[in-house]
């Protein structure tokens, strides 16, 4: 229960102080289990852009824009037919000021 409360507080702080681009990057890293005890799963389960938009608190078109930007910069491997693959370099988006 304590871990759940901590996660809720982190999500609230994230929503208040971070841009939608950073929130999307953080969400993708969490979905890829980045930072967990075991090795990160690099591959994110198939998820729609609309669902990601709801999780991040933005529109589907903004999610699409940022996914294409992350792909162009090499942070993710993204193709409509294949699962989304997360590269460790995506962490730089979250840590950037």
N, C-alpha and C. Protein backbone atom coordinates (compact mmCIF):
# COMPACT_ATOMS: atom_id res chain seq x y z
N UNK A 1 0.83 -1.18 0.00
CA UNK A 1 0.00 0.00 0.00
C UNK A 1 0.88 1.26 0.00
N UNK A 2 1.97 1.20 0.73
CA UNK A 2 2.89 2.33 0.77
C UNK A 2 3.50 2.60 -0.60
N UNK A 3 3.89 1.54 -1.30
CA UNK A 3 4.45 1.69 -2.65
C UNK A 3 3.43 2.31 -3.59
N UNK A 4 2.17 1.92 -3.44
CA UNK A 4 1.11 2.48 -4.28
C UNK A 4 0.93 3.97 -4.02
N UNK A 5 0.94 4.37 -2.74
CA UNK A 5 0.80 5.78 -2.40
C UNK A 5 1.98 6.60 -2.92
N UNK A 6 3.17 6.04 -2.84
CA UNK A 6 4.35 6.73 -3.37
C UNK A 6 4.21 6.93 -4.86
N UNK A 7 3.75 5.90 -5.58
CA UNK A 7 3.57 5.98 -7.03
C UNK A 7 2.53 7.05 -7.39
N UNK A 8 1.44 7.12 -6.62
CA UNK A 8 0.40 8.13 -6.87
C UNK A 8 0.97 9.53 -6.66
N UNK A 9 1.76 9.72 -5.61
CA UNK A 9 2.38 11.03 -5.37
C UNK A 9 3.34 11.38 -6.51
N UNK A 10 4.13 10.41 -6.97
CA UNK A 10 5.05 10.67 -8.08
C UNK A 10 4.29 11.06 -9.34
N UNK A 11 3.17 10.37 -9.62
CA UNK A 11 2.36 10.69 -10.79
C UNK A 11 1.77 12.09 -10.70
N UNK A 12 1.33 12.48 -9.52
CA UNK A 12 0.76 13.82 -9.33
C UNK A 12 1.83 14.90 -9.55
N UNK A 13 2.99 14.70 -8.97
CA UNK A 13 4.10 15.65 -9.15
C UNK A 13 4.48 15.72 -10.62
N UNK A 14 4.53 14.56 -11.28
CA UNK A 14 4.85 14.50 -12.71
C UNK A 14 3.84 15.31 -13.52
N UNK A 15 2.56 15.15 -13.21
CA UNK A 15 1.50 15.85 -13.94
C UNK A 15 1.59 17.37 -13.74
N UNK A 16 1.95 17.78 -12.54
CA UNK A 16 1.99 19.21 -12.23
C UNK A 16 3.21 19.93 -12.80
N UNK A 17 4.36 19.27 -12.81
CA UNK A 17 5.60 19.97 -13.09
C UNK A 17 6.30 19.59 -14.39
N UNK A 18 5.88 18.54 -15.05
CA UNK A 18 6.59 18.11 -16.26
C UNK A 18 5.74 18.30 -17.51
N UNK A 19 6.42 18.48 -18.63
CA UNK A 19 5.74 18.62 -19.91
C UNK A 19 5.17 17.28 -20.35
N UNK A 20 4.26 17.31 -21.31
CA UNK A 20 3.68 16.06 -21.80
C UNK A 20 4.74 15.18 -22.45
N UNK A 21 5.77 15.78 -23.03
CA UNK A 21 6.86 15.01 -23.63
C UNK A 21 7.59 14.19 -22.55
N UNK A 22 7.91 14.82 -21.44
CA UNK A 22 8.59 14.11 -20.34
C UNK A 22 7.67 13.07 -19.72
N UNK A 23 6.38 13.40 -19.59
CA UNK A 23 5.44 12.43 -19.01
C UNK A 23 5.32 11.20 -19.89
N UNK A 24 5.30 11.39 -21.21
CA UNK A 24 5.24 10.25 -22.12
C UNK A 24 6.51 9.41 -22.02
N UNK A 25 7.67 10.06 -21.98
CA UNK A 25 8.93 9.32 -21.85
C UNK A 25 8.94 8.53 -20.55
N UNK A 26 8.50 9.14 -19.46
CA UNK A 26 8.46 8.44 -18.16
C UNK A 26 7.51 7.26 -18.21
N UNK A 27 6.35 7.44 -18.82
CA UNK A 27 5.37 6.36 -18.92
C UNK A 27 5.93 5.19 -19.73
N UNK A 28 6.59 5.50 -20.85
CA UNK A 28 7.17 4.43 -21.66
C UNK A 28 8.25 3.68 -20.89
N UNK A 29 9.07 4.41 -20.15
CA UNK A 29 10.11 3.76 -19.34
C UNK A 29 9.49 2.87 -18.26
N UNK A 30 8.42 3.34 -17.64
CA UNK A 30 7.74 2.53 -16.62
C UNK A 30 7.13 1.28 -17.24
N UNK A 31 6.52 1.43 -18.43
CA UNK A 31 5.94 0.27 -19.10
C UNK A 31 7.01 -0.75 -19.50
N UNK A 32 8.21 -0.25 -19.79
CA UNK A 32 9.32 -1.14 -20.16
C UNK A 32 10.05 -1.65 -18.92
N UNK A 33 9.52 -1.33 -17.74
CA UNK A 33 10.08 -1.79 -16.46
C UNK A 33 11.50 -1.30 -16.26
N UNK A 34 11.82 -0.12 -16.79
CA UNK A 34 13.16 0.45 -16.61
C UNK A 34 13.38 0.78 -15.14
N UNK A 35 14.51 0.36 -14.60
CA UNK A 35 14.84 0.64 -13.21
C UNK A 35 14.38 -0.42 -12.24
N UNK A 36 13.73 -1.48 -12.74
CA UNK A 36 13.30 -2.56 -11.86
C UNK A 36 14.50 -3.44 -11.52
N UNK A 37 14.34 -4.30 -10.54
CA UNK A 37 15.41 -5.18 -10.08
C UNK A 37 15.98 -6.02 -11.22
N UNK A 38 15.09 -6.65 -11.97
CA UNK A 38 15.57 -7.47 -13.08
C UNK A 38 15.84 -6.59 -14.30
N UNK A 39 16.30 -7.21 -15.36
CA UNK A 39 16.64 -6.47 -16.58
C UNK A 39 15.37 -5.87 -17.20
N UNK A 40 15.44 -4.60 -17.65
CA UNK A 40 14.27 -3.99 -18.29
C UNK A 40 13.81 -4.80 -19.49
N UNK A 41 12.52 -4.73 -19.77
CA UNK A 41 11.92 -5.53 -20.83
C UNK A 41 11.98 -4.85 -22.18
N UNK A 42 12.70 -3.88 -22.42
CA UNK A 42 12.85 -3.14 -23.67
C UNK A 42 11.62 -3.08 -24.55
N UNK A 43 10.79 -4.11 -24.58
CA UNK A 43 9.61 -4.13 -25.43
C UNK A 43 8.38 -3.81 -24.59
N UNK A 44 7.63 -2.82 -25.05
CA UNK A 44 6.41 -2.39 -24.36
C UNK A 44 5.24 -3.21 -24.91
N UNK A 45 4.37 -3.71 -24.06
CA UNK A 45 3.19 -4.44 -24.56
C UNK A 45 2.41 -3.56 -25.54
N UNK A 46 1.77 -4.18 -26.51
CA UNK A 46 1.03 -3.42 -27.52
C UNK A 46 -0.02 -2.55 -26.83
N UNK A 47 0.07 -1.26 -27.11
CA UNK A 47 -0.81 -0.28 -26.47
C UNK A 47 -1.13 0.80 -27.50
N UNK A 48 -2.36 1.26 -27.50
CA UNK A 48 -2.76 2.27 -28.49
C UNK A 48 -2.28 3.66 -28.07
N UNK A 49 -2.20 4.53 -29.06
CA UNK A 49 -1.81 5.91 -28.78
C UNK A 49 -2.88 6.60 -27.93
N UNK A 50 -4.12 6.23 -28.10
CA UNK A 50 -5.20 6.81 -27.29
C UNK A 50 -5.04 6.43 -25.83
N UNK A 51 -4.68 5.18 -25.58
CA UNK A 51 -4.47 4.74 -24.20
C UNK A 51 -3.27 5.45 -23.59
N UNK A 52 -2.20 5.57 -24.37
CA UNK A 52 -1.03 6.32 -23.88
C UNK A 52 -1.40 7.76 -23.57
N UNK A 53 -2.22 8.36 -24.43
CA UNK A 53 -2.64 9.75 -24.22
C UNK A 53 -3.40 9.89 -22.91
N UNK A 54 -4.27 8.93 -22.61
CA UNK A 54 -5.02 8.97 -21.35
C UNK A 54 -4.07 8.81 -20.16
N UNK A 55 -3.09 7.95 -20.29
CA UNK A 55 -2.14 7.72 -19.20
C UNK A 55 -1.29 8.97 -18.93
N UNK A 56 -0.96 9.68 -20.00
CA UNK A 56 -0.07 10.84 -19.90
C UNK A 56 -0.85 12.12 -19.59
N UNK A 57 -2.11 12.15 -19.97
CA UNK A 57 -2.92 13.35 -19.75
C UNK A 57 -2.77 14.35 -20.87
N UNK A 58 -2.75 13.86 -22.09
CA UNK A 58 -2.63 14.73 -23.26
C UNK A 58 -3.48 14.14 -24.39
N UNK A 59 -3.34 14.67 -25.59
CA UNK A 59 -4.12 14.18 -26.72
C UNK A 59 -3.36 13.11 -27.50
N UNK A 60 -4.12 12.33 -28.28
CA UNK A 60 -3.50 11.30 -29.10
C UNK A 60 -2.57 11.91 -30.13
N UNK A 61 -2.92 13.05 -30.68
CA UNK A 61 -2.07 13.69 -31.68
C UNK A 61 -0.72 14.12 -31.09
N UNK A 62 -0.72 14.57 -29.83
CA UNK A 62 0.55 14.94 -29.17
C UNK A 62 1.39 13.69 -28.92
N UNK A 63 0.75 12.60 -28.51
CA UNK A 63 1.47 11.34 -28.32
C UNK A 63 2.10 10.90 -29.64
N UNK A 64 1.33 10.97 -30.73
CA UNK A 64 1.84 10.61 -32.04
C UNK A 64 3.05 11.48 -32.41
N UNK A 65 2.95 12.78 -32.18
CA UNK A 65 4.04 13.70 -32.47
C UNK A 65 5.30 13.32 -31.70
N UNK A 66 5.15 13.07 -30.39
CA UNK A 66 6.32 12.74 -29.57
C UNK A 66 6.89 11.36 -29.89
N UNK A 67 6.03 10.38 -30.20
CA UNK A 67 6.54 9.06 -30.59
C UNK A 67 7.37 9.17 -31.87
N UNK A 68 6.89 9.95 -32.82
CA UNK A 68 7.66 10.14 -34.05
C UNK A 68 8.97 10.88 -33.78
N UNK A 69 8.94 11.84 -32.88
CA UNK A 69 10.16 12.56 -32.50
C UNK A 69 11.15 11.61 -31.82
N UNK A 70 10.66 10.80 -30.87
CA UNK A 70 11.53 9.84 -30.18
C UNK A 70 12.13 8.84 -31.17
N UNK A 71 11.32 8.43 -32.16
CA UNK A 71 11.81 7.50 -33.18
C UNK A 71 12.90 8.16 -34.02
N UNK A 72 12.67 9.39 -34.44
CA UNK A 72 13.64 10.11 -35.26
C UNK A 72 14.97 10.30 -34.52
N UNK A 73 14.90 10.51 -33.20
CA UNK A 73 16.10 10.71 -32.39
C UNK A 73 16.74 9.40 -31.94
N UNK A 74 16.12 8.26 -32.26
CA UNK A 74 16.69 6.96 -31.93
C UNK A 74 16.41 6.50 -30.51
N UNK A 75 15.47 7.14 -29.82
CA UNK A 75 15.14 6.74 -28.45
C UNK A 75 14.26 5.50 -28.42
N UNK A 76 13.45 5.32 -29.46
CA UNK A 76 12.57 4.16 -29.54
C UNK A 76 12.62 3.58 -30.95
N UNK A 77 12.20 2.33 -31.07
CA UNK A 77 11.98 1.70 -32.37
C UNK A 77 10.47 1.48 -32.46
N UNK A 78 9.86 2.19 -33.39
CA UNK A 78 8.41 2.26 -33.43
C UNK A 78 7.92 1.98 -34.83
N UNK A 79 7.03 0.97 -34.94
CA UNK A 79 6.43 0.61 -36.20
C UNK A 79 5.03 0.10 -35.88
N UNK A 80 4.05 0.45 -36.69
CA UNK A 80 2.66 0.09 -36.40
C UNK A 80 2.46 -1.42 -36.28
N UNK A 81 3.23 -2.21 -37.03
CA UNK A 81 3.05 -3.66 -37.02
C UNK A 81 3.83 -4.35 -35.90
N UNK A 82 4.89 -3.72 -35.39
CA UNK A 82 5.76 -4.34 -34.40
C UNK A 82 5.56 -3.71 -33.03
N UNK A 83 5.90 -4.44 -31.96
CA UNK A 83 5.83 -3.84 -30.62
C UNK A 83 6.83 -2.69 -30.49
N UNK A 84 6.52 -1.79 -29.61
CA UNK A 84 7.36 -0.63 -29.33
C UNK A 84 8.58 -1.06 -28.54
N UNK A 85 9.78 -0.73 -29.01
CA UNK A 85 11.01 -1.06 -28.30
C UNK A 85 11.62 0.22 -27.76
N UNK A 86 12.00 0.18 -26.49
CA UNK A 86 12.54 1.34 -25.80
C UNK A 86 14.05 1.21 -25.68
N UNK A 87 14.78 2.24 -26.08
CA UNK A 87 16.22 2.28 -25.89
C UNK A 87 16.52 3.04 -24.60
N UNK A 88 17.60 2.67 -23.94
CA UNK A 88 17.96 3.30 -22.67
C UNK A 88 18.18 4.80 -22.82
N UNK A 89 18.48 5.27 -24.02
CA UNK A 89 18.72 6.69 -24.24
C UNK A 89 17.47 7.53 -24.00
N UNK A 90 16.28 6.91 -23.96
CA UNK A 90 15.05 7.66 -23.68
C UNK A 90 15.10 8.30 -22.30
N UNK A 91 15.87 7.71 -21.41
CA UNK A 91 16.01 8.26 -20.06
C UNK A 91 16.52 9.70 -20.10
N UNK A 92 17.31 10.06 -21.11
CA UNK A 92 17.83 11.43 -21.22
C UNK A 92 16.72 12.47 -21.36
N UNK A 93 15.59 12.07 -21.95
CA UNK A 93 14.45 12.99 -22.09
C UNK A 93 13.88 13.32 -20.71
N UNK A 94 13.79 12.32 -19.86
CA UNK A 94 13.23 12.51 -18.53
C UNK A 94 14.18 13.32 -17.66
N UNK A 95 15.47 13.10 -17.81
CA UNK A 95 16.45 13.78 -16.96
C UNK A 95 16.82 15.18 -17.44
N UNK A 96 16.47 15.49 -18.68
CA UNK A 96 16.78 16.81 -19.24
C UNK A 96 16.00 17.89 -18.52
N UNK A 97 16.64 19.03 -18.27
CA UNK A 97 15.97 20.15 -17.58
C UNK A 97 15.12 20.93 -18.51
